[in-house]
Amino acid sequence: MGKKDRAKRQNRRGRALGLGACAAALCAVLWAAAAGAGPDPSLDLLTALRLAKDHDPSVKSAYHEMQAVRTYPAQNLSVLLPRVEGSLNLSEISYVTAPLGYADYWSESEGIGLRQPLFNVGAYVGYDQSRKRVQAMEARYRDTADFLLYRVSQAYLNAVYAEEHMAVVREQEKALSRQVTMARRYFEAGEGTIGDVHDAEARYADVVYQLTDAEKLLTTTRNALELLIGRPPGTLGRLGPGLDPTPPDPPSVDSWVDAARRENPALRYYRLGIEVAQDEILKARSLHLPTLDANASYARRNTVSDYVPTQTVEWYSVGVQLTVPVFSGGYAVAKTREAVERKAQSEEDYRRALTDVTQKITDAFYGMEAARSKIGSTAQAVRAYETALASTQRGFEAGVRSIVDVLNAQTNLFRAKAEWVRARHEYVLQRVNLHYYAGTLTESLIETINTWLERNTP
């Protein structure tokens, strides 16, 4: 019986352990499923753009403003279309004192009238002006949408650069930390000098400062991106080997400036502002011109005055009304002077905007070319300094080079790596700038940049 009891207890224990293992495995599966169901912490450029569109109110506000302005033509057209008005008047007349024969009664009158403008220069100009206002607001809406593309691209790429710069500085900090330890060990063994130790420690202190500055830059850029997309950015991509630093196409600044004159929505907005101001001059001058309207009406009433009742009378009338302005106290003259000055102001605004865009295009064009050249030169420098560092380390191990030589070689290498990272990001940023100011920044370009970003592990 004792052996059987022990066997039963072992079987029960085995089944319990098996059930416990199954339960643990099931919990692990459910936990993994729950973890996998959560949002992906990675964030690419297209996703950031989509989140910014959903979060940022500027584009939505510009859209509603555009929809409101699109009602202007209908409002101004109504002035040129027939206007029909009806009237009804019903009053009880009760006499307090009156001559003999007067009796209380109900006064009734009703009518309908139609007015059709035949000649009204100000109304016609106003209708044409309203259509130009719609075009200007559509250009402003497009500029707001393009500016959101620009801001998201800049914020995302700045955050990516901050992360890559941080990686270079951290790598340098680790290397210098090892060199400080080595310098102290050699000094304690009598094979080095205190100067070597101090040199290594000074360089390490400098890289610690660089690390703090890099952390500040990373925090600032990620916060700026978070404000745009409305949530923490998570893990960003990084510029991979797919980056193709091609030259600007077309290859001349003048061609890009010409494209901006055609495509830049801000410049189009200012050009249309000049046309709207010109129409305002015509409207002001039209205040001196006569207006001609056609009128038609029908009326019926039972009194010839406010207190004398008659049999019900009804009639029709058709005619034209000519209104000739003679003197308005100088309003028309002053309004014309104001409109002329407003047009001059609009022309200056356009010239200022064109000058600004031209300068920005020039800076972006040559900045893109400079960054493209810098990418090649810094890549060659990185390869050369890697070779020099390896050679210097072998010389140090052989006793023909000092630790200071190794530190100098490391400093040169990490400086070249930092410049290479900066040049690559500068190229992409300047390319975005060039297309934005030329008015050709589209989501297709953003998709191209997104293909240059490779997934980064958190």
Protein backbone atom coordinates (compact mmCIF):
# COMPACT_ATOMS: atom_id res chain seq x y z
CA MET A 1 0.00 0.00 0.00
CA GLY A 2 2.86 2.36 0.78
CA LYS A 3 4.36 1.97 -2.67
CA LYS A 4 0.96 2.49 -4.33
CA ASP A 5 0.30 5.63 -2.27
CA ARG A 6 3.67 7.05 -3.21
CA ALA A 7 3.01 6.25 -6.88
CA LYS A 8 -0.37 7.96 -6.75
CA ARG A 9 1.11 11.02 -5.09
CA GLN A 10 3.83 11.18 -7.74
CA ASN A 11 1.25 10.88 -10.50
CA ARG A 12 -0.87 13.66 -8.96
CA ARG A 13 2.25 15.80 -8.57
CA GLY A 14 3.22 15.12 -12.16
CA ARG A 15 -0.24 16.05 -13.43
CA ALA A 16 -0.21 19.24 -11.31
CA LEU A 17 3.20 20.21 -12.67
CA GLY A 18 2.01 19.48 -16.19
CA LEU A 19 -1.11 21.61 -15.71
CA GLY A 20 1.01 24.37 -14.20
CA ALA A 21 3.38 24.28 -17.13
CA CYS A 22 0.45 24.41 -19.56
CA ALA A 23 -1.06 27.32 -17.66
CA ALA A 24 2.27 29.15 -17.69
CA ALA A 25 2.66 28.51 -21.39
CA LEU A 26 -0.88 29.74 -22.04
CA CYS A 27 -0.23 32.89 -20.02
CA ALA A 28 2.97 33.48 -21.97
CA VAL A 29 1.10 33.13 -25.27
CA LEU A 30 -1.66 35.49 -24.14
CA TRP A 31 0.92 37.99 -22.87
CA ALA A 32 2.80 37.84 -26.15
CA ALA A 33 -0.45 38.30 -28.07
CA ALA A 34 -1.40 41.26 -25.92
CA ALA A 35 2.03 42.78 -26.38
CA GLY A 36 1.89 42.20 -30.11
CA ALA A 37 -1.54 43.83 -30.29
CA GLY A 38 -0.13 47.10 -29.02
CA PRO A 39 0.92 49.93 -31.33
CA ASP A 40 4.21 49.61 -33.15
CA PRO A 41 6.64 52.00 -31.42
CA SER A 42 8.43 52.75 -34.70
CA LEU A 43 7.52 55.88 -36.65
CA ASP A 44 8.41 56.54 -40.27
CA LEU A 45 8.09 59.84 -42.09
CA LEU A 46 4.79 59.04 -43.83
CA THR A 47 3.18 57.96 -40.57
CA ALA A 48 4.39 61.17 -38.92
CA LEU A 49 2.82 63.16 -41.74
CA ARG A 50 -0.50 61.34 -41.36
CA LEU A 51 -0.53 61.92 -37.60
CA ALA A 52 0.29 65.61 -38.08
CA LYS A 53 -2.60 66.03 -40.53
CA ASP A 54 -4.97 64.54 -37.96
CA HIS A 55 -3.55 66.58 -35.07
CA ASP A 56 -2.49 69.96 -36.45
CA PRO A 57 -5.38 72.48 -36.63
CA SER A 58 -3.77 74.91 -39.09
CA VAL A 59 -4.73 73.00 -42.25
CA LYS A 60 -8.26 72.37 -40.99
CA SER A 61 -8.66 76.05 -40.15
CA ALA A 62 -7.39 77.09 -43.60
CA TYR A 63 -9.80 74.61 -45.22
CA HIS A 64 -12.84 76.07 -43.46
CA GLU A 65 -11.66 79.58 -44.30
CA MET A 66 -11.39 78.56 -47.95
CA GLN A 67 -14.89 77.07 -47.90
CA ALA A 68 -16.22 80.32 -46.42
CA VAL A 69 -14.52 82.44 -49.08
CA ARG A 70 -15.95 80.20 -51.82
CA THR A 71 -19.35 81.67 -50.99
CA TYR A 72 -18.22 85.16 -52.09
CA PRO A 73 -19.07 84.76 -55.80
CA ALA A 74 -22.63 83.69 -54.96
CA GLN A 75 -22.98 86.65 -52.62
CA ASN A 76 -21.75 89.13 -55.23
CA LEU A 77 -23.71 87.51 -58.03
CA SER A 78 -26.90 88.09 -56.06
CA VAL A 79 -26.44 91.84 -56.59
CA LEU A 80 -26.69 91.32 -60.37
CA LEU A 81 -29.70 89.00 -60.28
CA PRO A 82 -33.37 90.05 -59.99
CA ARG A 83 -34.57 91.01 -56.56
CA VAL A 84 -38.22 90.34 -55.68
CA GLU A 85 -39.87 91.78 -52.58
CA GLY A 86 -43.40 91.39 -51.31
CA SER A 87 -45.27 93.54 -48.79
CA LEU A 88 -48.51 93.28 -46.82
CA ASN A 89 -50.00 95.94 -44.56
CA LEU A 90 -53.16 95.47 -42.47
CA SER A 91 -54.20 98.20 -40.01
CA GLU A 92 -57.32 99.02 -38.00
CA ILE A 93 -58.27 102.68 -38.30
CA SER A 94 -60.25 103.91 -35.30
CA TYR A 95 -61.26 107.61 -35.34
CA VAL A 96 -61.32 109.62 -32.13
CA THR A 97 -62.64 112.81 -33.73
CA ALA A 98 -63.57 113.11 -37.38
CA PRO A 99 -66.03 114.96 -39.65
CA LEU A 100 -69.49 113.60 -40.14
CA GLY A 101 -69.54 110.45 -42.28
CA TYR A 102 -66.19 109.07 -41.18
CA ALA A 103 -66.34 105.50 -39.82
CA ASP A 104 -63.78 103.07 -38.42
CA TYR A 105 -62.41 100.57 -40.94
CA TRP A 106 -59.55 98.18 -41.80
CA SER A 107 -56.82 99.52 -44.08
CA GLU A 108 -55.42 96.87 -46.37
CA SER A 109 -52.55 97.05 -48.88
CA GLU A 110 -50.34 94.43 -50.49
CA GLY A 111 -47.87 94.43 -53.29
CA ILE A 112 -44.91 92.76 -54.95
CA GLY A 113 -41.97 94.38 -56.69
CA LEU A 114 -39.12 93.26 -58.94
CA ARG A 115 -35.81 95.06 -59.45
CA GLN A 116 -33.26 94.01 -62.08
CA PRO A 117 -29.91 95.83 -62.37
CA LEU A 118 -29.14 96.72 -65.97
CA PHE A 119 -25.99 98.77 -65.63
CA ASN A 120 -23.85 98.64 -62.47
CA VAL A 121 -20.10 98.67 -63.03
CA GLY A 122 -19.27 98.26 -59.34
CA ALA A 123 -21.40 95.13 -59.04
CA TYR A 124 -19.83 93.49 -62.12
CA VAL A 125 -16.31 94.30 -60.90
CA GLY A 126 -17.19 93.03 -57.45
CA TYR A 127 -18.34 89.69 -58.85
CA ASP A 128 -15.13 89.24 -60.84
CA GLN A 129 -13.12 90.31 -57.79
CA SER A 130 -14.83 87.70 -55.62
CA ARG A 131 -13.70 84.91 -57.95
CA LYS A 132 -10.12 86.15 -57.64
CA ARG A 133 -10.48 86.15 -53.87
CA VAL A 134 -11.47 82.48 -54.06
CA GLN A 135 -8.39 81.69 -56.16
CA ALA A 136 -6.22 83.57 -53.67
CA MET A 137 -7.68 81.66 -50.73
CA GLU A 138 -7.18 78.34 -52.54
CA ALA A 139 -3.53 79.31 -52.99
CA ARG A 140 -3.31 80.18 -49.32
CA TYR A 141 -4.83 76.83 -48.35
CA ARG A 142 -2.32 74.99 -50.51
CA ASP A 143 0.50 77.00 -48.95
CA THR A 144 -0.72 75.99 -45.48
CA ALA A 145 -0.83 72.32 -46.50
CA ASP A 146 2.65 72.53 -48.06
CA PHE A 147 3.96 74.25 -44.95
CA LEU A 148 2.71 71.33 -42.85
CA LEU A 149 4.63 68.93 -45.12
CA TYR A 150 7.67 71.13 -44.70
CA ARG A 151 7.39 71.37 -40.90
CA VAL A 152 6.87 67.64 -40.43
CA SER A 153 9.79 66.79 -42.72
CA GLN A 154 12.08 69.25 -40.97
CA ALA A 155 11.05 68.12 -37.48
CA TYR A 156 11.38 64.42 -38.31
CA LEU A 157 14.74 64.74 -40.06
CA ASN A 158 16.11 66.96 -37.30
CA ALA A 159 15.15 64.33 -34.73
CA VAL A 160 16.74 61.59 -36.87
CA TYR A 161 19.94 63.61 -37.14
CA ALA A 162 19.98 64.17 -33.37
CA GLU A 163 19.75 60.42 -32.78
CA GLU A 164 22.51 59.59 -35.25
CA HIS A 165 24.72 62.38 -33.86
CA MET A 166 24.10 61.03 -30.38
CA ALA A 167 25.21 57.55 -31.52
CA VAL A 168 28.50 58.95 -32.85
CA VAL A 169 29.18 60.88 -29.64
CA ARG A 170 28.39 57.85 -27.49
CA GLU A 171 30.75 55.73 -29.56
CA GLN A 172 33.44 58.36 -29.08
CA GLU A 173 32.75 58.51 -25.33
CA LYS A 174 33.19 54.74 -24.99
CA ALA A 175 36.45 54.82 -26.97
CA LEU A 176 37.88 57.68 -24.92
CA SER A 177 36.81 56.00 -21.69
CA ARG A 178 38.91 53.00 -22.68
CA GLN A 179 41.83 55.25 -23.56
CA VAL A 180 41.67 56.99 -20.17
CA THR A 181 41.77 53.63 -18.43
CA MET A 182 44.69 52.53 -20.62
CA ALA A 183 46.62 55.76 -20.01
CA ARG A 184 46.26 55.37 -16.24
CA ARG A 185 47.33 51.72 -16.40
CA TYR A 186 50.43 52.56 -18.42
CA PHE A 187 51.31 55.43 -16.07
CA GLU A 188 50.98 53.18 -13.02
CA ALA A 189 53.21 50.59 -14.75
CA GLY A 190 55.81 53.26 -15.44
CA GLU A 191 55.39 53.05 -19.21
CA GLY A 192 53.52 56.33 -19.64
CA THR A 193 53.55 59.92 -18.42
CA ILE A 194 51.16 61.92 -16.34
CA GLY A 195 50.78 64.22 -19.36
CA ASP A 196 49.28 61.34 -21.34
CA VAL A 197 46.76 60.76 -18.54
CA HIS A 198 45.81 64.41 -18.36
CA ASP A 199 45.48 64.62 -22.14
CA ALA A 200 43.17 61.60 -22.22
CA GLU A 201 41.11 62.92 -19.30
CA ALA A 202 40.77 66.35 -20.95
CA ARG A 203 39.53 64.82 -24.16
CA TYR A 204 37.12 62.63 -22.22
CA ALA A 205 35.77 65.67 -20.32
CA ASP A 206 35.19 67.42 -23.66
CA VAL A 207 33.29 64.47 -25.09
CA VAL A 208 31.15 64.31 -21.93
CA TYR A 209 30.17 67.94 -22.64
CA GLN A 210 29.41 66.98 -26.26
CA LEU A 211 27.27 64.12 -24.99
CA THR A 212 25.26 66.50 -22.79
CA ASP A 213 24.80 68.88 -25.71
CA ALA A 214 23.74 66.00 -27.95
CA GLU A 215 21.19 64.85 -25.36
CA LYS A 216 19.78 68.38 -25.25
CA LEU A 217 19.49 68.46 -29.05
CA LEU A 218 17.81 65.05 -29.08
CA THR A 219 15.28 66.04 -26.43
CA THR A 220 14.50 69.35 -28.14
CA THR A 221 13.99 67.85 -31.60
CA ARG A 222 11.87 64.96 -30.35
CA ASN A 223 9.68 67.36 -28.37
CA ALA A 224 9.20 69.50 -31.48
CA LEU A 225 8.13 66.42 -33.45
CA GLU A 226 5.78 65.34 -30.65
CA LEU A 227 4.04 68.72 -30.73
CA LEU A 228 3.33 68.22 -34.42
CA ILE A 229 2.08 64.64 -34.36
CA GLY A 230 0.33 64.73 -30.98
CA ARG A 231 2.05 61.74 -29.38
CA PRO A 232 5.54 60.55 -28.39
CA PRO A 233 7.51 59.78 -31.56
CA GLY A 234 8.72 56.34 -30.50
CA THR A 235 11.56 54.81 -32.53
CA LEU A 236 12.50 56.79 -35.64
CA GLY A 237 14.14 55.55 -38.80
CA ARG A 238 17.66 56.46 -39.78
CA LEU A 239 19.23 57.43 -43.07
CA GLY A 240 20.42 54.22 -44.63
CA PRO A 241 22.65 53.44 -47.60
CA GLY A 242 19.71 54.00 -49.95
CA LEU A 243 20.26 57.77 -49.84
CA ASP A 244 21.06 58.90 -53.37
CA PRO A 245 22.61 62.40 -53.28
CA THR A 246 21.78 63.43 -56.84
CA PRO A 247 22.32 67.03 -58.01
CA PRO A 248 19.36 69.43 -58.29
CA ASP A 249 17.24 68.94 -61.38
CA PRO A 250 16.96 71.36 -63.18
CA PRO A 251 20.63 72.25 -62.61
CA SER A 252 20.30 76.05 -62.42
CA VAL A 253 18.96 78.46 -59.79
CA ASP A 254 17.09 80.52 -62.39
CA SER A 255 15.05 77.49 -63.42
CA TRP A 256 14.00 76.90 -59.83
CA VAL A 257 13.08 80.57 -59.40
CA ASP A 258 10.99 80.42 -62.59
CA ALA A 259 9.27 77.32 -61.20
CA ALA A 260 8.55 79.22 -57.99
CA ARG A 261 6.91 82.06 -59.95
CA ARG A 262 4.58 79.48 -61.50
CA GLU A 263 4.03 77.01 -58.66
CA ASN A 264 4.75 78.66 -55.32
CA PRO A 265 1.30 79.14 -53.71
CA ALA A 266 2.45 82.04 -51.53
CA LEU A 267 3.64 83.99 -54.59
CA ARG A 268 0.38 83.18 -56.37
CA TYR A 269 -1.52 84.49 -53.36
CA TYR A 270 0.36 87.81 -53.51
CA ARG A 271 -0.07 88.09 -57.29
CA LEU A 272 -3.80 87.61 -56.95
CA GLY A 273 -3.73 90.20 -54.18
CA ILE A 274 -2.50 92.73 -56.74
CA GLU A 275 -5.38 91.85 -59.07
CA VAL A 276 -7.90 92.12 -56.25
CA ALA A 277 -6.48 95.54 -55.35
CA GLN A 278 -6.77 96.64 -58.99
CA ASP A 279 -10.44 95.63 -58.99
CA GLU A 280 -10.89 97.63 -55.79
CA ILE A 281 -9.68 100.71 -57.69
CA LEU A 282 -12.27 100.06 -60.41
CA LYS A 283 -14.99 99.63 -57.80
CA ALA A 284 -14.02 102.92 -56.15
CA ARG A 285 -14.02 104.76 -59.48
CA SER A 286 -17.39 103.27 -60.37
CA LEU A 287 -18.90 105.30 -57.52
CA HIS A 288 -18.82 108.23 -59.97
CA LEU A 289 -20.80 106.29 -62.60
CA PRO A 290 -24.62 106.12 -62.91
CA THR A 291 -26.60 102.94 -62.30
CA LEU A 292 -29.63 101.76 -64.26
CA ASP A 293 -32.27 99.38 -62.91
CA ALA A 294 -35.47 97.94 -64.36
CA ASN A 295 -38.47 97.97 -62.02
CA ALA A 296 -41.81 96.21 -62.11
CA SER A 297 -44.46 96.11 -59.40
CA TYR A 298 -48.04 95.14 -58.61
CA ALA A 299 -50.10 96.68 -55.76
CA ARG A 300 -53.61 96.61 -54.31
CA ARG A 301 -55.06 98.76 -51.51
CA ASN A 302 -58.39 100.07 -50.16
CA THR A 303 -57.33 103.56 -49.19
CA VAL A 304 -55.93 106.56 -50.98
CA SER A 305 -54.24 107.92 -47.90
CA ASP A 306 -53.66 106.91 -44.33
CA TYR A 307 -57.21 107.65 -43.25
CA VAL A 308 -59.54 107.97 -46.26
CA PRO A 309 -61.08 104.60 -47.31
CA THR A 310 -61.98 103.90 -50.94
CA GLN A 311 -63.01 101.00 -53.03
CA THR A 312 -60.19 98.47 -53.50
CA VAL A 313 -57.74 99.69 -56.17
CA GLU A 314 -55.04 97.54 -57.85
CA TRP A 315 -52.45 98.45 -60.47
CA TYR A 316 -49.26 97.42 -62.26
CA SER A 317 -46.19 99.52 -62.99
CA VAL A 318 -43.15 98.90 -65.23
CA GLY A 319 -40.23 101.23 -65.75
CA VAL A 320 -36.53 101.98 -65.40
CA GLN A 321 -34.65 103.92 -62.75
CA LEU A 322 -31.50 105.89 -63.52
CA THR A 323 -29.41 106.99 -60.54
CA VAL A 324 -26.68 109.54 -61.18
CA PRO A 325 -24.27 110.28 -58.30
CA VAL A 326 -23.61 114.00 -58.02
CA PHE A 327 -21.79 114.60 -54.74
CA SER A 328 -21.06 112.21 -51.88
CA GLY A 329 -19.05 114.46 -49.60
CA GLY A 330 -15.71 113.37 -51.13
CA TYR A 331 -16.17 109.69 -50.22
CA ALA A 332 -15.62 108.39 -53.77
CA VAL A 333 -12.41 110.39 -54.21
CA ALA A 334 -11.01 109.28 -50.85
CA LYS A 335 -11.99 105.66 -51.51
CA THR A 336 -10.18 105.76 -54.84
CA ARG A 337 -7.01 107.13 -53.23
CA GLU A 338 -7.16 104.39 -50.60
CA ALA A 339 -7.54 101.70 -53.29
CA VAL A 340 -4.54 103.04 -55.21
CA GLU A 341 -2.39 102.88 -52.09
CA ARG A 342 -3.63 99.38 -51.30
CA LYS A 343 -2.57 98.23 -54.75
CA ALA A 344 0.88 99.75 -54.27
CA GLN A 345 1.11 97.94 -50.94
CA SER A 346 0.15 94.63 -52.61
CA GLU A 347 2.83 95.12 -55.26
CA GLU A 348 5.45 95.72 -52.56
CA ASP A 349 4.28 92.62 -50.68
CA TYR A 350 4.71 90.54 -53.82
CA ARG A 351 8.18 91.93 -54.50
CA ARG A 352 9.20 91.25 -50.91
CA ALA A 353 7.87 87.68 -51.10
CA LEU A 354 9.59 87.06 -54.45
CA THR A 355 12.90 88.37 -53.10
CA ASP A 356 12.60 86.19 -50.02
CA VAL A 357 11.73 83.08 -52.04
CA THR A 358 14.57 83.76 -54.49
CA GLN A 359 17.06 84.02 -51.64
CA LYS A 360 15.75 80.85 -49.97
CA ILE A 361 15.93 78.94 -53.26
CA THR A 362 19.49 80.14 -53.85
CA ASP A 363 20.54 79.10 -50.34
CA ALA A 364 18.88 75.69 -50.67
CA PHE A 365 20.26 75.06 -54.16
CA TYR A 366 23.88 75.73 -53.26
CA GLY A 367 23.43 74.20 -49.82
CA MET A 368 22.26 71.01 -51.51
CA GLU A 369 25.24 71.05 -53.86
CA ALA A 370 27.67 71.75 -51.01
CA ALA A 371 26.19 68.95 -48.89
CA ARG A 372 26.41 66.54 -51.81
CA SER A 373 30.11 67.29 -52.22
CA LYS A 374 30.60 67.13 -48.45
CA ILE A 375 29.11 63.62 -48.34
CA GLY A 376 31.76 62.35 -50.73
CA SER A 377 34.69 64.11 -49.07
CA THR A 378 33.70 63.11 -45.52
CA ALA A 379 33.12 59.50 -46.57
CA GLN A 380 36.67 59.42 -47.95
CA ALA A 381 37.93 61.09 -44.76
CA VAL A 382 36.23 58.44 -42.60
CA ARG A 383 37.90 55.65 -44.58
CA ALA A 384 41.28 57.39 -44.39
CA TYR A 385 41.05 58.05 -40.64
CA GLU A 386 39.93 54.47 -39.96
CA THR A 387 43.08 53.26 -41.71
CA ALA A 388 45.20 55.83 -39.87
CA LEU A 389 43.73 54.81 -36.50
CA ALA A 390 44.40 51.13 -37.13
CA SER A 391 47.98 51.94 -38.17
CA THR A 392 48.52 54.17 -35.14
CA GLN A 393 47.22 51.51 -32.77
CA ARG A 394 49.62 48.96 -34.23
CA GLY A 395 52.44 51.46 -33.87
CA PHE A 396 51.43 52.08 -30.25
CA GLU A 397 51.46 48.37 -29.52
CA ALA A 398 54.90 48.17 -31.15
CA GLY A 399 56.16 51.05 -29.02
CA VAL A 400 56.81 53.50 -31.86
CA ARG A 401 53.68 55.64 -31.28
CA SER A 402 52.40 57.31 -28.11
CA ILE A 403 48.92 57.22 -26.66
CA VAL A 404 48.54 60.87 -27.66
CA ASP A 405 48.94 59.79 -31.29
CA VAL A 406 46.14 57.27 -30.77
CA LEU A 407 43.94 59.93 -29.18
CA ASN A 408 44.58 62.29 -32.09
CA ALA A 409 43.70 59.58 -34.59
CA GLN A 410 40.48 58.78 -32.71
CA THR A 411 39.52 62.45 -32.54
CA ASN A 412 40.04 62.85 -36.29
CA LEU A 413 37.97 59.74 -37.03
CA PHE A 414 34.98 60.70 -34.89
CA ARG A 415 35.06 64.27 -36.16
CA ALA A 416 34.91 62.94 -39.72
CA LYS A 417 32.04 60.60 -38.80
CA ALA A 418 30.08 63.47 -37.24
CA GLU A 419 30.65 65.62 -40.33
CA TRP A 420 29.57 62.74 -42.59
CA VAL A 421 26.33 62.28 -40.64
CA ARG A 422 25.68 66.02 -40.73
CA ALA A 423 26.37 66.28 -44.47
CA ARG A 424 23.89 63.50 -45.29
CA HIS A 425 21.14 65.12 -43.28
CA GLU A 426 21.98 68.56 -44.60
CA TYR A 427 21.54 67.25 -48.14
CA VAL A 428 18.06 65.90 -47.41
CA LEU A 429 17.02 69.05 -45.52
CA GLN A 430 18.21 71.34 -48.32
CA ARG A 431 16.42 69.20 -50.87
CA VAL A 432 13.19 69.61 -48.91
CA ASN A 433 13.84 73.37 -48.66
CA LEU A 434 14.45 73.68 -52.39
CA HIS A 435 11.23 71.93 -53.36
CA TYR A 436 9.20 73.75 -50.72
CA TYR A 437 10.21 77.25 -51.82
CA ALA A 438 9.85 76.30 -55.48
CA GLY A 439 6.29 75.15 -54.78
CA THR A 440 6.97 71.54 -55.80
CA LEU A 441 7.03 69.87 -52.37
CA THR A 442 4.61 66.95 -52.70
CA GLU A 443 3.88 63.74 -50.85
CA SER A 444 5.66 61.81 -53.61
CA LEU A 445 8.92 63.49 -52.57
CA ILE A 446 8.17 62.62 -48.95
CA GLU A 447 7.66 59.00 -50.03
CA THR A 448 11.05 59.07 -51.77
CA ILE A 449 12.73 60.38 -48.62
CA ASN A 450 10.91 57.75 -46.60
CA THR A 451 12.52 55.02 -48.74
CA TRP A 452 15.92 56.36 -47.66
CA LEU A 453 15.04 55.69 -44.03
CA GLU A 454 15.68 52.23 -42.71
CA ARG A 455 14.08 50.73 -39.63
CA ASN A 456 15.96 51.46 -36.43
CA THR A 457 15.85 49.17 -33.42
CA PRO A 458 14.82 50.87 -30.17
